[in-house]
Amino acid sequence: MSDHQAGLNLQQNYFELFQMPMAYDVDHQVLDTRYRELQKAVHPDRFAAQGEQGQRLAVQYAAFVNQAYDTLRLALSRAIYLLELEGVNVNSDRHTVADSAFLMQQMELRDELMAVRDSVDPEAALAQLLDEARQMLAALEIDFVGSWTERADDSLRQAANITHKMHFLVKFIAEAEQLEEELLDY
């Protein structure tokens, strides 16, 4: 199987692969449709007659398509990928957020999350907390787009710092949603 046969190239960036503009905001319907098309095109079963090498390439292409899709469909991973395309290494595990006001806000959110079970109406308290966190994340996404769009060194560093804050909120929202499921199972 050649690159031409599969309609893709392992050297393409993920936006090129999905024939989408390189942007933070993506059309998820287009992304999903293109993903299904690419999966059909590179499915290893379609290349059973091409021998071991064709099968191996089909598996590599399928893995590449899956990785690209997983990256582009999630806002945080898409933001990090956009920065990487600009040469900015974003490693959330090693980076600390220096914004003390943001860190205090995160500690307050975590304290509120811990207190949800003991509140009079845990579901309502959790819904309010999730709404607040989602609004904060939406505001950070707007800030990210503004910083990333400029593409100057300072603005790209600012965009990277914003992704670290986004990481905190995405993780918090996931934990809150997990608690929401536990409360619903009660």
C-alpha atoms as a PDB file:
ATOM      1  CA  MET A   1       0.000   0.000   0.000  1.00  0.00           C
ATOM      2  CA  SER A   2       1.497   3.321  -0.979  1.00  0.00           C
ATOM      3  CA  ASP A   3       0.844   6.731   0.564  1.00  0.00           C
ATOM      4  CA  HIS A   4      -1.065   7.605  -2.588  1.00  0.00           C
ATOM      5  CA  GLN A   5      -3.314   4.545  -2.273  1.00  0.00           C
ATOM      6  CA  ALA A   6      -4.209   5.376   1.311  1.00  0.00           C
ATOM      7  CA  GLY A   7      -4.706   9.059   0.516  1.00  0.00           C
ATOM      8  CA  LEU A   8      -2.481  10.141   3.374  1.00  0.00           C
ATOM      9  CA  ASN A   9       1.084  10.680   4.345  1.00  0.00           C
ATOM     10  CA  LEU A  10       2.570  10.019   7.770  1.00  0.00           C
ATOM     11  CA  GLN A  11       4.409  13.348   7.418  1.00  0.00           C
ATOM     12  CA  GLN A  12       1.167  15.365   7.220  1.00  0.00           C
ATOM     13  CA  ASN A  13       0.048  17.333  10.213  1.00  0.00           C
ATOM     14  CA  TYR A  14      -3.290  16.266  11.618  1.00  0.00           C
ATOM     15  CA  PHE A  15      -5.166  19.230  10.166  1.00  0.00           C
ATOM     16  CA  GLU A  16      -3.847  18.426   6.686  1.00  0.00           C
ATOM     17  CA  LEU A  17      -4.820  14.796   7.175  1.00  0.00           C
ATOM     18  CA  PHE A  18      -8.400  15.761   7.984  1.00  0.00           C
ATOM     19  CA  GLN A  19      -8.405  18.487   5.323  1.00  0.00           C
ATOM     20  CA  MET A  20      -9.315  21.112   7.919  1.00  0.00           C
ATOM     21  CA  PRO A  21      -7.935  24.583   8.557  1.00  0.00           C
ATOM     22  CA  MET A  22      -5.259  24.764  11.240  1.00  0.00           C
ATOM     23  CA  ALA A  23      -7.356  26.346  13.977  1.00  0.00           C
ATOM     24  CA  TYR A  24      -8.400  25.821  17.565  1.00  0.00           C
ATOM     25  CA  ASP A  25     -12.081  25.682  16.676  1.00  0.00           C
ATOM     26  CA  VAL A  26     -12.946  22.655  14.579  1.00  0.00           C
ATOM     27  CA  ASP A  27     -16.175  21.471  13.039  1.00  0.00           C
ATOM     28  CA  HIS A  28     -16.710  18.194  14.893  1.00  0.00           C
ATOM     29  CA  GLN A  29     -19.188  16.920  12.333  1.00  0.00           C
ATOM     30  CA  VAL A  30     -16.615  17.358   9.544  1.00  0.00           C
ATOM     31  CA  LEU A  31     -13.936  15.819  11.760  1.00  0.00           C
ATOM     32  CA  ASP A  32     -16.098  12.767  12.519  1.00  0.00           C
ATOM     33  CA  THR A  33     -17.096  12.317   8.877  1.00  0.00           C
ATOM     34  CA  ARG A  34     -13.524  12.580   7.633  1.00  0.00           C
ATOM     35  CA  TYR A  35     -12.389  10.177  10.385  1.00  0.00           C
ATOM     36  CA  ARG A  36     -14.839   7.510   9.221  1.00  0.00           C
ATOM     37  CA  GLU A  37     -13.715   8.023   5.598  1.00  0.00           C
ATOM     38  CA  LEU A  38     -10.061   7.687   6.550  1.00  0.00           C
ATOM     39  CA  GLN A  39     -10.707   4.617   8.692  1.00  0.00           C
ATOM     40  CA  LYS A  40     -12.394   2.910   5.762  1.00  0.00           C
ATOM     41  CA  ALA A  41      -9.543   3.860   3.425  1.00  0.00           C
ATOM     42  CA  VAL A  42      -6.798   2.501   5.683  1.00  0.00           C
ATOM     43  CA  HIS A  43      -8.545  -0.425   7.335  1.00  0.00           C
ATOM     44  CA  PRO A  44      -6.094  -3.364   7.307  1.00  0.00           C
ATOM     45  CA  ASP A  45      -8.756  -5.761   5.971  1.00  0.00           C
ATOM     46  CA  ARG A  46      -8.823  -3.793   2.719  1.00  0.00           C
ATOM     47  CA  PHE A  47      -5.163  -4.653   2.173  1.00  0.00           C
ATOM     48  CA  ALA A  48      -5.189  -8.349   3.030  1.00  0.00           C
ATOM     49  CA  ALA A  49      -4.062  -9.227  -0.501  1.00  0.00           C
ATOM     50  CA  GLN A  50      -1.037  -6.906  -0.369  1.00  0.00           C
ATOM     51  CA  GLY A  51       1.052  -9.125   1.842  1.00  0.00           C
ATOM     52  CA  GLU A  52       2.735  -8.564   5.152  1.00  0.00           C
ATOM     53  CA  GLN A  53       4.273  -5.195   4.270  1.00  0.00           C
ATOM     54  CA  GLY A  54       0.934  -3.822   3.024  1.00  0.00           C
ATOM     55  CA  GLN A  55      -0.760  -5.042   6.183  1.00  0.00           C
ATOM     56  CA  ARG A  56       1.934  -3.446   8.370  1.00  0.00           C
ATOM     57  CA  LEU A  57       1.583  -0.109   6.557  1.00  0.00           C
ATOM     58  CA  ALA A  58      -2.206  -0.263   6.852  1.00  0.00           C
ATOM     59  CA  VAL A  59      -1.882  -0.775  10.618  1.00  0.00           C
ATOM     60  CA  GLN A  60       0.539   2.192  10.846  1.00  0.00           C
ATOM     61  CA  TYR A  61      -1.829   4.390   8.857  1.00  0.00           C
ATOM     62  CA  ALA A  62      -4.814   3.331  10.965  1.00  0.00           C
ATOM     63  CA  ALA A  63      -2.877   4.131  14.146  1.00  0.00           C
ATOM     64  CA  PHE A  64      -1.848   7.511  12.709  1.00  0.00           C
ATOM     65  CA  VAL A  65      -5.469   8.332  11.826  1.00  0.00           C
ATOM     66  CA  ASN A  66      -6.652   7.312  15.313  1.00  0.00           C
ATOM     67  CA  GLN A  67      -3.966   9.400  17.002  1.00  0.00           C
ATOM     68  CA  ALA A  68      -4.790  12.405  14.827  1.00  0.00           C
ATOM     69  CA  TYR A  69      -8.508  12.071  15.530  1.00  0.00           C
ATOM     70  CA  ASP A  70      -8.009  11.719  19.289  1.00  0.00           C
ATOM     71  CA  THR A  71      -5.789  14.812  19.280  1.00  0.00           C
ATOM     72  CA  LEU A  72      -8.110  17.023  17.234  1.00  0.00           C
ATOM     73  CA  ARG A  73     -11.390  16.045  18.880  1.00  0.00           C
ATOM     74  CA  LEU A  74     -10.331  17.120  22.381  1.00  0.00           C
ATOM     75  CA  ALA A  75      -9.922  20.855  22.961  1.00  0.00           C
ATOM     76  CA  LEU A  76      -6.917  20.680  25.294  1.00  0.00           C
ATOM     77  CA  SER A  77      -4.945  18.196  23.199  1.00  0.00           C
ATOM     78  CA  ARG A  78      -5.781  20.241  20.086  1.00  0.00           C
ATOM     79  CA  ALA A  79      -4.439  23.413  21.770  1.00  0.00           C
ATOM     80  CA  ILE A  80      -1.246  21.647  22.788  1.00  0.00           C
ATOM     81  CA  TYR A  81      -0.845  20.226  19.275  1.00  0.00           C
ATOM     82  CA  LEU A  82      -1.285  23.683  17.713  1.00  0.00           C
ATOM     83  CA  LEU A  83       1.504  24.985  19.943  1.00  0.00           C
ATOM     84  CA  GLU A  84       3.730  22.024  19.065  1.00  0.00           C
ATOM     85  CA  LEU A  85       3.220  22.816  15.373  1.00  0.00           C
ATOM     86  CA  GLU A  86       4.599  26.284  16.178  1.00  0.00           C
ATOM     87  CA  GLY A  87       7.626  24.744  17.915  1.00  0.00           C
ATOM     88  CA  VAL A  88       6.401  25.316  21.474  1.00  0.00           C
ATOM     89  CA  ASN A  89       6.897  22.304  23.737  1.00  0.00           C
ATOM     90  CA  VAL A  90       4.031  22.062  26.192  1.00  0.00           C
ATOM     91  CA  ASN A  91       4.560  19.507  28.916  1.00  0.00           C
ATOM     92  CA  SER A  92       1.813  19.932  31.506  1.00  0.00           C
ATOM     93  CA  ASP A  93       3.355  17.400  33.877  1.00  0.00           C
ATOM     94  CA  ARG A  94       6.548  19.404  34.314  1.00  0.00           C
ATOM     95  CA  HIS A  95       5.142  22.918  34.149  1.00  0.00           C
ATOM     96  CA  THR A  96       3.782  24.766  37.139  1.00  0.00           C
ATOM     97  CA  VAL A  97       1.332  27.615  36.945  1.00  0.00           C
ATOM     98  CA  ALA A  98       2.831  30.758  38.440  1.00  0.00           C
ATOM     99  CA  ASP A  99      -0.493  32.648  38.587  1.00  0.00           C
ATOM    100  CA  SER A 100      -1.191  32.669  42.343  1.00  0.00           C
ATOM    101  CA  ALA A 101      -4.762  33.978  41.905  1.00  0.00           C
ATOM    102  CA  PHE A 102      -5.541  31.101  39.536  1.00  0.00           C
ATOM    103  CA  LEU A 103      -3.989  28.587  41.944  1.00  0.00           C
ATOM    104  CA  MET A 104      -6.036  29.975  44.850  1.00  0.00           C
ATOM    105  CA  GLN A 105      -9.155  29.703  42.708  1.00  0.00           C
ATOM    106  CA  GLN A 106      -8.302  26.070  41.929  1.00  0.00           C
ATOM    107  CA  MET A 107      -7.798  25.297  45.614  1.00  0.00           C
ATOM    108  CA  GLU A 108     -11.183  26.856  46.382  1.00  0.00           C
ATOM    109  CA  LEU A 109     -12.836  24.799  43.643  1.00  0.00           C
ATOM    110  CA  ARG A 110     -11.263  21.631  45.026  1.00  0.00           C
ATOM    111  CA  ASP A 111     -12.405  22.495  48.564  1.00  0.00           C
ATOM    112  CA  GLU A 112     -15.932  23.049  47.251  1.00  0.00           C
ATOM    113  CA  LEU A 113     -15.796  19.746  45.402  1.00  0.00           C
ATOM    114  CA  MET A 114     -14.744  17.952  48.594  1.00  0.00           C
ATOM    115  CA  ALA A 115     -17.688  19.554  50.446  1.00  0.00           C
ATOM    116  CA  VAL A 116     -20.305  18.604  47.838  1.00  0.00           C
ATOM    117  CA  ARG A 117     -21.255  15.282  49.454  1.00  0.00           C
ATOM    118  CA  ASP A 118     -21.955  17.009  52.767  1.00  0.00           C
ATOM    119  CA  SER A 119     -24.098  19.779  51.270  1.00  0.00           C
ATOM    120  CA  VAL A 120     -27.885  19.914  51.667  1.00  0.00           C
ATOM    121  CA  ASP A 121     -28.397  19.367  47.918  1.00  0.00           C
ATOM    122  CA  PRO A 122     -25.258  17.677  46.541  1.00  0.00           C
ATOM    123  CA  GLU A 123     -26.582  17.480  42.961  1.00  0.00           C
ATOM    124  CA  ALA A 124     -27.361  21.212  42.823  1.00  0.00           C
ATOM    125  CA  ALA A 125     -24.066  22.163  44.484  1.00  0.00           C
ATOM    126  CA  LEU A 126     -22.162  20.000  42.028  1.00  0.00           C
ATOM    127  CA  ALA A 127     -24.099  21.353  39.029  1.00  0.00           C
ATOM    128  CA  GLN A 128     -23.240  24.919  40.086  1.00  0.00           C
ATOM    129  CA  LEU A 129     -19.592  24.002  40.587  1.00  0.00           C
ATOM    130  CA  LEU A 130     -19.408  22.303  37.184  1.00  0.00           C
ATOM    131  CA  ASP A 131     -21.045  25.288  35.530  1.00  0.00           C
ATOM    132  CA  GLU A 132     -18.507  27.623  37.126  1.00  0.00           C
ATOM    133  CA  ALA A 133     -15.564  25.445  36.046  1.00  0.00           C
ATOM    134  CA  ARG A 134     -16.901  25.136  32.486  1.00  0.00           C
ATOM    135  CA  GLN A 135     -17.308  28.911  32.258  1.00  0.00           C
ATOM    136  CA  MET A 136     -13.729  29.370  33.454  1.00  0.00           C
ATOM    137  CA  LEU A 137     -12.535  26.873  30.844  1.00  0.00           C
ATOM    138  CA  ALA A 138     -14.500  28.640  28.093  1.00  0.00           C
ATOM    139  CA  ALA A 139     -12.876  31.954  29.067  1.00  0.00           C
ATOM    140  CA  LEU A 140      -9.427  30.335  28.929  1.00  0.00           C
ATOM    141  CA  GLU A 141     -10.202  28.901  25.500  1.00  0.00           C
ATOM    142  CA  ILE A 142     -11.012  32.403  24.239  1.00  0.00           C
ATOM    143  CA  ASP A 143      -7.743  33.674  25.735  1.00  0.00           C
ATOM    144  CA  PHE A 144      -5.860  30.790  24.116  1.00  0.00           C
ATOM    145  CA  VAL A 145      -7.248  31.580  20.661  1.00  0.00           C
ATOM    146  CA  GLY A 146      -6.267  35.234  21.057  1.00  0.00           C
ATOM    147  CA  SER A 147      -2.723  34.380  22.105  1.00  0.00           C
ATOM    148  CA  TRP A 148      -2.185  31.563  19.617  1.00  0.00           C
ATOM    149  CA  THR A 149      -3.532  33.591  16.701  1.00  0.00           C
ATOM    150  CA  GLU A 150      -0.853  36.278  17.171  1.00  0.00           C
ATOM    151  CA  ARG A 151       1.933  33.685  16.882  1.00  0.00           C
ATOM    152  CA  ALA A 152       4.583  35.986  18.337  1.00  0.00           C
ATOM    153  CA  ASP A 153       7.050  34.452  20.817  1.00  0.00           C
ATOM    154  CA  ASP A 154       5.494  36.184  23.827  1.00  0.00           C
ATOM    155  CA  SER A 155       1.947  35.352  22.776  1.00  0.00           C
ATOM    156  CA  LEU A 156       2.864  31.700  22.138  1.00  0.00           C
ATOM    157  CA  ARG A 157       4.399  31.477  25.621  1.00  0.00           C
ATOM    158  CA  GLN A 158       1.202  33.020  26.969  1.00  0.00           C
ATOM    159  CA  ALA A 159      -0.836  30.456  25.003  1.00  0.00           C
ATOM    160  CA  ALA A 160       1.293  27.679  26.533  1.00  0.00           C
ATOM    161  CA  ASN A 161       0.642  29.058  30.026  1.00  0.00           C
ATOM    162  CA  ILE A 162      -3.068  29.114  29.240  1.00  0.00           C
ATOM    163  CA  THR A 163      -2.960  25.435  28.236  1.00  0.00           C
ATOM    164  CA  HIS A 164      -1.513  24.626  31.654  1.00  0.00           C
ATOM    165  CA  LYS A 165      -4.466  26.361  33.283  1.00  0.00           C
ATOM    166  CA  MET A 166      -6.810  24.563  30.901  1.00  0.00           C
ATOM    167  CA  HIS A 167      -5.209  21.291  31.993  1.00  0.00           C
ATOM    168  CA  PHE A 168      -6.098  22.038  35.638  1.00  0.00           C
ATOM    169  CA  LEU A 169      -9.705  22.773  34.720  1.00  0.00           C
ATOM    170  CA  VAL A 170     -10.130  19.798  32.384  1.00  0.00           C
ATOM    171  CA  LYS A 171      -8.853  17.522  35.145  1.00  0.00           C
ATOM    172  CA  PHE A 172     -11.119  19.195  37.711  1.00  0.00           C
ATOM    173  CA  ILE A 173     -14.170  18.888  35.458  1.00  0.00           C
ATOM    174  CA  ALA A 174     -13.423  15.184  34.875  1.00  0.00           C
ATOM    175  CA  GLU A 175     -13.219  14.617  38.646  1.00  0.00           C
ATOM    176  CA  ALA A 176     -16.455  16.547  39.201  1.00  0.00           C
ATOM    177  CA  GLU A 177     -18.203  14.557  36.461  1.00  0.00           C
ATOM    178  CA  GLN A 178     -16.973  11.356  38.102  1.00  0.00           C
ATOM    179  CA  LEU A 179     -18.513  12.510  41.385  1.00  0.00           C
ATOM    180  CA  GLU A 180     -21.704  13.384  39.509  1.00  0.00           C
ATOM    181  CA  GLU A 181     -21.918   9.792  38.233  1.00  0.00           C
ATOM    182  CA  GLU A 182     -21.344   8.472  41.757  1.00  0.00           C
ATOM    183  CA  LEU A 183     -24.104  10.682  43.126  1.00  0.00           C
ATOM    184  CA  LEU A 184     -26.501   9.536  40.408  1.00  0.00           C
ATOM    185  CA  ASP A 185     -25.701   5.889  41.220  1.00  0.00           C
ATOM    186  CA  TYR A 186     -26.663   6.428  44.874  1.00  0.00           C
END
